[in-house]
């Protein structure tokens, strides 16, 4: 029985005669004798003769129904009192230990047999249930206790990852290595919650060494073919890491482009899509190979998809060269950008937004090589007036004060232009005495987008 057909039956609980025969054979085979540790005697007998629900329950939560039910019935306010909090904490730990014990047994079964590729997805199901359980019950735990359980959970999931990674079976249909991505996604999710950059780096190095981060090779991965959501999650974490931590924006935008192109259109209003498109827009702008005036979506989209994209304020600022609104955007969301790891990318985009303003003024000046700073200041003031609030309104008509404001603005523009020249985004030089910029006649904006 093919792996894909097994997973389909397992997910839908559509138990055909072929599926029952397949599972019955696996249960009776000698390498998987440890299944008796999971199933009771009568349950093992039932599972062997066709009661596959018993097998599913054993794999997922057969020993945990009562504990999980009791946790769901807990009053969330019970955590307020310390004595009840201790009881809740102990119950969560007991359930977690039972879950991880089941997972360790399944890992042994998965490791002992070369033909147990069929068990990869059920093991992932248990890992996913453990991680979901910890996230759902986190409100009952103190921060330190929660982190300890998360770290223990990561170790057990990593064991499943290594079992799949170390499979040397030359028959690719029976090789478990394709399942590594399922467990890697769970690990990266925990590393993100723990903000453990070093462990994320080590895991991605392993994935790179095996070629799993290569987008072209992902097309041949049967797990990613079968589970499109796993492909989106995997490329999201990889793209986020390349962009936020390594500043390799070309690689980052390539992985996030896969997420955008694979994302189901009916879910484009979700926070996941907004998060993906936000990162994709940032990294596409900063990718050195991109020389478009604005970012284009990588495929044809319907109205919902386009609306989710065009509503992005950052992209509008980039296209219009609106430095005022963009500065306010950074100030307003600075804390969130620091948490997400995108603050440095936003500062780099801030430079591009200003560059866009300079380029617009260059076109307005008929592309002459001498560009007065007063013209750039005029463009800056247009956005300044459009962004109308009490802070930005000019409250004085005193000529000296107005002149002082104008000189300060020109000094600021000189500094920002000097920074662009130093970074190679403008080819030319500043004339401080003439308050102008002299641009190259052949290539004034060598790296301009």
Protein backbone atom coordinates (compact mmCIF):
# COMPACT_ATOMS: atom_id res chain seq x y z
CA UNK A 1 0.00 0.00 0.00
CA UNK A 2 1.42 3.39 -0.98
CA UNK A 3 2.27 5.86 1.76
CA UNK A 4 0.02 8.57 0.31
CA UNK A 5 -2.99 6.25 0.24
CA UNK A 6 -2.29 5.13 3.80
CA UNK A 7 -2.18 8.73 5.04
CA UNK A 8 -5.40 9.50 3.17
CA UNK A 9 -7.17 6.58 4.87
CA UNK A 10 -5.66 7.51 8.23
CA UNK A 11 -6.82 11.13 8.00
CA UNK A 12 -10.32 10.37 6.75
CA UNK A 13 -10.76 7.17 8.79
CA UNK A 14 -11.85 5.52 5.58
CA UNK A 15 -10.71 1.99 6.35
CA UNK A 16 -10.71 -0.10 3.20
CA UNK A 17 -9.98 -3.81 3.13
CA UNK A 18 -6.51 -3.03 1.78
CA UNK A 19 -5.86 -0.64 4.66
CA UNK A 20 -7.05 -3.15 7.28
CA UNK A 21 -4.87 -5.86 5.78
CA UNK A 22 -1.89 -3.50 5.73
CA UNK A 23 -2.29 -2.48 9.38
CA UNK A 24 -2.99 -6.05 10.46
CA UNK A 25 0.23 -7.22 8.83
CA UNK A 26 2.23 -4.46 10.49
CA UNK A 27 0.80 -5.25 13.89
CA UNK A 28 1.64 -8.92 13.55
CA UNK A 29 5.18 -8.38 12.27
CA UNK A 30 7.96 -9.11 14.73
CA UNK A 31 9.83 -5.72 14.62
CA UNK A 32 6.66 -3.97 15.77
CA UNK A 33 6.01 -6.23 18.72
CA UNK A 34 6.38 -3.25 21.03
CA UNK A 35 2.88 -2.21 19.98
CA UNK A 36 1.68 -4.45 22.77
CA UNK A 37 3.04 -1.84 25.16
CA UNK A 38 0.62 0.67 23.71
CA UNK A 39 -2.45 -1.49 23.24
CA UNK A 40 -3.98 -3.67 25.90
CA UNK A 41 -4.36 -7.37 25.06
CA UNK A 42 -7.98 -7.22 23.92
CA UNK A 43 -7.45 -3.93 22.13
CA UNK A 44 -4.44 -5.32 20.26
CA UNK A 45 -6.55 -8.26 19.18
CA UNK A 46 -9.34 -5.98 17.99
CA UNK A 47 -6.91 -3.73 16.10
CA UNK A 48 -5.26 -6.73 14.48
CA UNK A 49 -8.60 -8.03 13.22
CA UNK A 50 -9.91 -4.78 11.86
CA UNK A 51 -10.85 -2.38 14.68
CA UNK A 52 -8.54 0.35 13.41
CA UNK A 53 -10.19 2.95 15.62
CA UNK A 54 -8.49 1.22 18.53
CA UNK A 55 -5.15 1.62 16.77
CA UNK A 56 -5.79 5.31 16.11
CA UNK A 57 -6.85 5.97 19.69
CA UNK A 58 -3.77 4.13 20.94
CA UNK A 59 -1.49 6.23 18.78
CA UNK A 60 -3.07 9.54 19.66
CA UNK A 61 -4.59 9.53 23.13
CA UNK A 62 -5.88 6.14 24.30
CA UNK A 63 -4.46 6.55 27.82
CA UNK A 64 -5.28 10.23 28.09
CA UNK A 65 -9.01 10.61 27.50
CA UNK A 66 -9.98 11.01 31.13
CA UNK A 67 -7.11 13.38 31.89
CA UNK A 68 -7.75 15.54 28.83
CA UNK A 69 -11.46 15.68 29.59
CA UNK A 70 -10.85 16.75 33.17
CA UNK A 71 -8.50 19.49 31.97
CA UNK A 72 -11.09 20.82 29.51
CA UNK A 73 -13.62 21.02 32.32
CA UNK A 74 -11.32 23.10 34.53
CA UNK A 75 -12.45 26.58 35.38
CA UNK A 76 -9.85 29.03 33.95
CA UNK A 77 -10.21 31.10 37.14
CA UNK A 78 -9.04 28.10 39.19
CA UNK A 79 -5.46 29.09 38.40
CA UNK A 80 -5.87 32.17 40.58
CA UNK A 81 -5.69 30.23 43.84
CA UNK A 82 -2.29 28.75 44.60
CA UNK A 83 -3.49 25.41 45.96
CA UNK A 84 -5.66 24.81 42.90
CA UNK A 85 -2.87 26.05 40.65
CA UNK A 86 -0.54 23.39 42.06
CA UNK A 87 -3.13 20.68 41.37
CA UNK A 88 -3.67 21.94 37.84
CA UNK A 89 0.07 22.14 37.27
CA UNK A 90 0.54 18.55 38.45
CA UNK A 91 -2.30 17.31 36.27
CA UNK A 92 -0.82 19.04 33.21
CA UNK A 93 2.58 17.47 33.96
CA UNK A 94 0.99 14.02 34.37
CA UNK A 95 -0.81 14.27 31.05
CA UNK A 96 2.32 15.56 29.33
CA UNK A 97 4.42 12.71 30.72
CA UNK A 98 1.85 10.18 29.53
CA UNK A 99 1.85 11.73 26.06
CA UNK A 100 5.64 11.78 25.79
CA UNK A 101 5.83 8.16 27.01
CA UNK A 102 3.50 7.14 24.19
CA UNK A 103 5.68 9.10 21.79
CA UNK A 104 8.88 7.42 23.00
CA UNK A 105 7.33 4.00 22.44
CA UNK A 106 6.28 4.98 18.93
CA UNK A 107 9.80 6.31 18.25
CA UNK A 108 11.22 2.92 19.19
CA UNK A 109 8.80 1.20 16.84
CA UNK A 110 9.64 3.70 14.08
CA UNK A 111 13.37 3.17 14.57
CA UNK A 112 13.40 -0.63 14.73
CA UNK A 113 11.99 -1.36 11.31
CA UNK A 114 13.15 -0.27 7.86
CA UNK A 115 9.66 -0.67 6.40
CA UNK A 116 7.84 1.49 8.96
CA UNK A 117 7.51 4.57 6.75
CA UNK A 118 3.74 4.19 7.16
CA UNK A 119 4.15 5.11 10.84
CA UNK A 120 5.77 8.53 10.17
CA UNK A 121 2.50 10.42 9.91
CA UNK A 122 0.90 8.80 13.01
CA UNK A 123 4.04 9.69 15.00
CA UNK A 124 3.78 13.25 13.71
CA UNK A 125 0.12 13.24 14.80
CA UNK A 126 1.18 12.44 18.36
CA UNK A 127 3.93 15.10 18.26
CA UNK A 128 1.41 17.63 17.02
CA UNK A 129 -1.03 16.65 19.78
CA UNK A 130 1.70 17.07 22.42
CA UNK A 131 2.62 20.53 21.13
CA UNK A 132 -1.05 21.59 20.88
CA UNK A 133 -1.69 20.31 24.40
CA UNK A 134 1.21 22.37 25.78
CA UNK A 135 0.05 25.53 24.01
CA UNK A 136 -3.54 25.09 25.21
CA UNK A 137 -2.59 24.43 28.83
CA UNK A 138 0.13 27.11 29.01
CA UNK A 139 -2.22 29.48 30.83
CA UNK A 140 -2.19 27.10 33.83
CA UNK A 141 1.60 27.10 34.08
CA UNK A 142 4.19 29.54 35.34
CA UNK A 143 6.65 30.80 32.75
CA UNK A 144 9.63 28.76 33.96
CA UNK A 145 7.63 25.53 34.25
CA UNK A 146 6.14 26.10 30.81
CA UNK A 147 9.58 26.57 29.27
CA UNK A 148 10.85 23.36 30.89
CA UNK A 149 7.98 21.36 29.40
CA UNK A 150 8.51 22.98 26.01
CA UNK A 151 12.20 22.07 26.06
CA UNK A 152 11.44 18.48 27.04
CA UNK A 153 8.86 18.30 24.27
CA UNK A 154 11.44 19.58 21.76
CA UNK A 155 13.85 16.82 22.76
CA UNK A 156 11.27 14.10 22.14
CA UNK A 157 10.20 15.63 18.80
CA UNK A 158 13.86 15.99 17.80
CA UNK A 159 14.29 12.28 18.42
CA UNK A 160 11.58 11.59 15.82
CA UNK A 161 13.31 14.04 13.48
CA UNK A 162 16.67 12.26 13.82
CA UNK A 163 15.12 8.81 13.27
CA UNK A 164 13.74 10.01 9.94
CA UNK A 165 16.95 11.85 9.06
CA UNK A 166 19.18 8.82 9.70
CA UNK A 167 17.16 6.43 7.56
CA UNK A 168 19.60 4.90 5.03
CA UNK A 169 17.05 2.87 3.10
CA UNK A 170 17.97 3.18 -0.61
CA UNK A 171 14.34 2.60 -1.63
CA UNK A 172 12.96 6.14 -1.64
CA UNK A 173 9.38 4.83 -1.40
CA UNK A 174 10.23 3.28 1.97
CA UNK A 175 12.66 5.95 3.15
CA UNK A 176 11.47 7.99 6.12
CA UNK A 177 13.68 11.03 5.43
CA UNK A 178 10.88 12.95 3.74
CA UNK A 179 9.09 13.10 7.09
CA UNK A 180 11.85 15.25 8.63
CA UNK A 181 10.05 18.41 7.53
CA UNK A 182 6.96 17.51 9.57
CA UNK A 183 8.98 17.34 12.79
CA UNK A 184 11.22 20.30 11.83
CA UNK A 185 8.12 22.51 11.57
CA UNK A 186 7.12 21.63 15.15
CA UNK A 187 10.65 22.24 16.41
CA UNK A 188 10.92 25.62 14.70
CA UNK A 189 7.55 26.64 16.14
CA UNK A 190 8.83 25.94 19.67
CA UNK A 191 12.16 27.68 19.01
CA UNK A 192 10.22 30.75 17.85
CA UNK A 193 8.10 30.72 21.01
CA UNK A 194 11.24 30.35 23.13
CA UNK A 195 13.07 32.93 20.96
CA UNK A 196 15.99 30.52 20.81
CA UNK A 197 17.90 31.75 17.78
CA UNK A 198 20.91 29.45 18.29
CA UNK A 199 18.85 26.23 18.23
CA UNK A 200 16.96 27.46 15.18
CA UNK A 201 20.30 28.10 13.48
CA UNK A 202 21.58 24.60 14.29
CA UNK A 203 18.41 22.96 12.98
CA UNK A 204 18.45 24.92 9.73
CA UNK A 205 22.12 24.04 9.21
CA UNK A 206 21.16 20.36 9.38
CA UNK A 207 18.32 20.94 6.92
CA UNK A 208 20.67 22.82 4.57
CA UNK A 209 23.28 20.04 4.69
CA UNK A 210 20.67 17.52 3.57
CA UNK A 211 19.31 19.78 0.82
CA UNK A 212 15.82 20.09 2.33
CA UNK A 213 15.86 23.89 2.15
CA UNK A 214 16.48 23.73 -1.62
CA UNK A 215 13.20 24.84 -3.21
CA UNK A 216 13.80 22.83 -6.38
CA UNK A 217 14.20 19.61 -4.36
CA UNK A 218 11.03 20.28 -2.38
CA UNK A 219 9.02 19.46 -5.49
CA UNK A 220 10.10 15.84 -5.19
CA UNK A 221 9.27 15.54 -1.49
CA UNK A 222 6.21 13.30 -1.22
CA UNK A 223 5.32 14.66 2.22
CA UNK A 224 5.19 18.25 0.94
CA UNK A 225 3.20 17.13 -2.08
CA UNK A 226 0.70 15.51 0.21
CA UNK A 227 0.54 18.25 2.87
CA UNK A 228 0.62 21.69 1.26
CA UNK A 229 0.17 23.43 4.62
CA UNK A 230 3.43 21.86 5.84
CA UNK A 231 5.23 23.26 2.80
CA UNK A 232 3.91 26.76 3.58
CA UNK A 233 4.90 26.54 7.26
CA UNK A 234 8.35 25.17 6.44
CA UNK A 235 9.20 27.86 3.88
CA UNK A 236 7.80 30.56 6.16
CA UNK A 237 10.16 29.65 9.00
CA UNK A 238 13.14 29.28 6.62
CA UNK A 239 12.38 32.60 4.88
CA UNK A 240 11.90 34.38 8.20
CA UNK A 241 15.24 33.06 9.47
CA UNK A 242 17.17 34.07 6.35
CA UNK A 243 15.65 37.55 6.32
CA UNK A 244 15.41 38.46 10.02
CA UNK A 245 18.64 36.90 11.30
CA UNK A 246 21.03 36.44 8.36
CA UNK A 247 19.83 39.41 6.23
CA UNK A 248 19.99 37.21 3.13
CA UNK A 249 17.02 38.89 1.52
CA UNK A 250 17.27 37.12 -1.85
CA UNK A 251 16.94 33.70 -0.23
CA UNK A 252 14.29 34.92 2.17
CA UNK A 253 12.00 36.32 -0.50
CA UNK A 254 12.35 33.14 -2.60
CA UNK A 255 11.06 30.97 0.26
CA UNK A 256 8.29 33.41 1.14
CA UNK A 257 7.28 33.57 -2.50
CA UNK A 258 6.61 29.83 -2.29
CA UNK A 259 4.33 30.52 0.70
CA UNK A 260 2.43 33.23 -1.19
CA UNK A 261 2.00 31.15 -4.34
CA UNK A 262 0.86 28.05 -2.40
CA UNK A 263 -1.42 29.83 0.07
CA UNK A 264 -5.13 28.92 -0.38
CA UNK A 265 -7.01 31.95 -1.69
CA UNK A 266 -9.99 31.41 0.63
CA UNK A 267 -7.71 31.94 3.68
CA UNK A 268 -6.08 35.20 2.56
CA UNK A 269 -7.86 37.13 5.31
CA UNK A 270 -6.08 35.11 8.01
CA UNK A 271 -3.34 36.54 10.22
CA UNK A 272 -0.94 33.91 8.84
CA UNK A 273 -1.29 35.30 5.32
CA UNK A 274 -0.93 38.89 6.50
CA UNK A 275 2.23 37.94 8.38
CA UNK A 276 3.65 36.14 5.31
CA UNK A 277 2.83 38.96 2.89
CA UNK A 278 4.29 41.53 5.29
CA UNK A 279 7.63 39.70 5.41
CA UNK A 280 7.53 38.95 1.69
CA UNK A 281 7.00 42.64 0.86
CA UNK A 282 9.89 43.71 3.10
CA UNK A 283 12.40 41.16 1.83
CA UNK A 284 11.38 41.54 -1.82
CA UNK A 285 12.07 45.27 -1.56
CA UNK A 286 15.49 44.61 -0.06
CA UNK A 287 16.51 41.79 -2.40
CA UNK A 288 19.40 43.15 -4.50
CA UNK A 289 18.18 41.34 -7.60
CA UNK A 290 14.84 43.17 -7.52
CA UNK A 291 14.74 46.30 -9.66
CA UNK A 292 11.00 46.78 -9.91
CA UNK A 293 9.41 50.08 -8.94
CA UNK A 294 6.99 48.20 -6.74
CA UNK A 295 6.56 44.61 -5.63
CA UNK A 296 4.48 42.38 -7.88
CA UNK A 297 2.66 39.29 -6.66
CA UNK A 298 4.18 36.12 -8.15
CA UNK A 299 0.94 34.80 -9.68
CA UNK A 300 -2.52 35.83 -10.84
CA UNK A 301 -4.74 36.64 -7.94
CA UNK A 302 -8.42 37.15 -7.34
CA UNK A 303 -9.96 40.21 -5.72
CA UNK A 304 -9.53 39.02 -2.12
CA UNK A 305 -5.86 38.23 -2.68
CA UNK A 306 -5.18 41.62 -4.28
CA UNK A 307 -7.02 43.50 -1.55
CA UNK A 308 -4.99 41.83 1.20
CA UNK A 309 -1.83 42.90 -0.61
CA UNK A 310 -2.72 46.47 -1.64
CA UNK A 311 -3.90 47.39 1.84
CA UNK A 312 -0.34 47.15 3.08
CA UNK A 313 0.60 50.68 4.17
CA UNK A 314 4.31 49.95 3.89
CA UNK A 315 4.02 49.19 0.20
CA UNK A 316 2.07 52.41 -0.45
CA UNK A 317 4.76 54.45 1.31
CA UNK A 318 7.40 52.72 -0.76
CA UNK A 319 5.66 53.47 -4.06
CA UNK A 320 4.91 57.11 -3.18
CA UNK A 321 8.14 57.93 -1.36
CA UNK A 322 6.11 59.00 1.66
CA UNK A 323 8.84 59.22 4.28
CA UNK A 324 6.60 60.97 6.84
CA UNK A 325 4.01 58.19 7.06
CA UNK A 326 6.72 55.54 6.99
CA UNK A 327 8.57 57.16 9.91
CA UNK A 328 5.32 57.24 11.87
CA UNK A 329 4.72 53.57 11.00
CA UNK A 330 8.10 52.59 12.45
CA UNK A 331 7.57 54.66 15.60
CA UNK A 332 4.11 53.24 16.19
CA UNK A 333 5.08 49.58 15.74
CA UNK A 334 8.74 49.67 16.83
CA UNK A 335 8.19 47.29 19.76
CA UNK A 336 6.43 44.72 17.58
CA UNK A 337 9.13 44.96 14.89
CA UNK A 338 11.78 44.30 17.55
CA UNK A 339 9.87 41.23 18.77
CA UNK A 340 9.41 39.95 15.20
CA UNK A 341 13.05 40.59 14.31
CA UNK A 342 12.15 42.91 11.41
CA UNK A 343 13.21 46.25 12.88
CA UNK A 344 16.55 46.28 11.01
CA UNK A 345 14.79 45.43 7.75
CA UNK A 346 12.34 48.30 8.29
CA UNK A 347 15.23 50.76 8.76
CA UNK A 348 16.74 49.56 5.50
CA UNK A 349 13.38 50.01 3.76
CA UNK A 350 13.18 53.50 5.26
CA UNK A 351 16.31 54.26 3.25
CA UNK A 352 14.61 52.93 0.09
CA UNK A 353 11.49 55.04 0.72
CA UNK A 354 13.62 58.18 0.89
CA UNK A 355 15.50 57.06 -2.22
CA UNK A 356 12.16 56.78 -3.99
CA UNK A 357 11.39 60.40 -3.04
CA UNK A 358 14.76 61.52 -4.44
CA UNK A 359 14.10 59.66 -7.68
CA UNK A 360 10.66 61.24 -8.08
CA UNK A 361 12.22 64.70 -7.61
CA UNK A 362 14.90 63.77 -10.16
CA UNK A 363 12.19 62.99 -12.73
CA UNK A 364 10.29 66.19 -11.91
CA UNK A 365 13.57 68.07 -12.55
CA UNK A 366 13.64 66.58 -16.10
CA UNK A 367 16.45 64.21 -15.07
CA UNK A 368 19.03 66.98 -14.96
CA UNK A 369 22.34 66.08 -13.36
CA UNK A 370 22.13 68.98 -10.87
CA UNK A 371 19.32 68.40 -8.39
CA UNK A 372 18.62 71.27 -5.93
CA UNK A 373 17.96 70.19 -2.37
CA UNK A 374 15.13 72.75 -2.24
CA UNK A 375 13.23 70.58 -4.75
CA UNK A 376 13.61 67.49 -2.55
CA UNK A 377 12.56 69.57 0.45
CA UNK A 378 9.44 70.64 -1.47
CA UNK A 379 8.53 67.00 -2.11
CA UNK A 380 9.17 66.24 1.54
CA UNK A 381 6.84 69.10 2.59
CA UNK A 382 4.04 67.80 0.36
CA UNK A 383 3.96 64.55 2.33
CA UNK A 384 4.40 66.61 5.49
CA UNK A 385 1.21 68.57 4.76
CA UNK A 386 -0.71 65.46 3.71
CA UNK A 387 0.13 63.87 7.05
CA UNK A 388 -1.90 66.51 8.86
CA UNK A 389 -1.83 66.45 12.63
CA UNK A 390 -1.17 68.87 15.48
CA UNK A 391 2.48 67.87 15.79
CA UNK A 392 3.30 68.60 12.14
CA UNK A 393 1.42 71.87 11.68
CA UNK A 394 3.55 74.97 11.30
CA UNK A 395 2.45 77.23 14.12
CA UNK A 396 4.65 80.23 13.40
CA UNK A 397 4.81 82.90 10.70
CA UNK A 398 8.06 84.43 11.98
CA UNK A 399 10.41 84.62 8.93
CA UNK A 400 13.51 83.84 11.00
CA UNK A 401 11.96 80.77 12.58
CA UNK A 402 10.70 79.57 9.19
CA UNK A 403 14.18 80.09 7.72
CA UNK A 404 15.70 78.13 10.62
CA UNK A 405 13.24 75.26 10.04
CA UNK A 406 14.10 75.25 6.35
CA UNK A 407 17.85 75.15 7.03
CA UNK A 408 17.40 72.31 9.53
CA UNK A 409 15.39 70.35 6.94
CA UNK A 410 18.08 70.86 4.28
CA UNK A 411 20.76 69.71 6.74
CA UNK A 412 18.72 66.58 7.47
CA UNK A 413 18.26 65.87 3.75
CA UNK A 414 21.99 66.32 3.16
CA UNK A 415 22.78 63.73 5.82
CA UNK A 416 20.31 61.22 4.41
CA UNK A 417 21.54 61.75 0.85
CA UNK A 418 25.16 61.37 2.00
CA UNK A 419 24.16 58.03 3.52
CA UNK A 420 22.63 56.88 0.20
CA UNK A 421 25.79 57.93 -1.69
CA UNK A 422 27.99 56.06 0.80
CA UNK A 423 25.86 52.90 0.39
CA UNK A 424 26.15 53.04 -3.38
CA UNK A 425 22.48 53.76 -4.03
CA UNK A 426 23.21 57.17 -5.59
CA UNK A 427 26.14 57.92 -7.89
CA UNK A 428 27.17 61.55 -7.40
CA UNK A 429 28.25 64.05 -4.77
CA UNK A 430 26.86 66.84 -2.62
CA UNK A 431 27.66 70.52 -2.96
CA UNK A 432 27.11 71.96 0.49
CA UNK A 433 27.76 75.56 -0.56
CA UNK A 434 25.25 75.38 -3.43
CA UNK A 435 22.76 73.24 -1.52
CA UNK A 436 22.45 70.79 -4.41
CA UNK A 437 23.41 67.30 -5.49
CA UNK A 438 25.40 66.56 -8.64
CA UNK A 439 24.37 63.20 -10.15
CA UNK A 440 26.09 60.96 -12.65
CA UNK A 441 24.77 61.50 -16.18
CA UNK A 442 25.11 57.83 -17.13
CA UNK A 443 23.84 55.94 -14.07
CA UNK A 444 22.60 58.18 -11.24
CA UNK A 445 20.82 55.35 -9.34
CA UNK A 446 22.85 52.15 -9.79
CA UNK A 447 21.00 50.15 -7.08
CA UNK A 448 17.67 51.95 -7.19
CA UNK A 449 14.50 49.88 -7.19
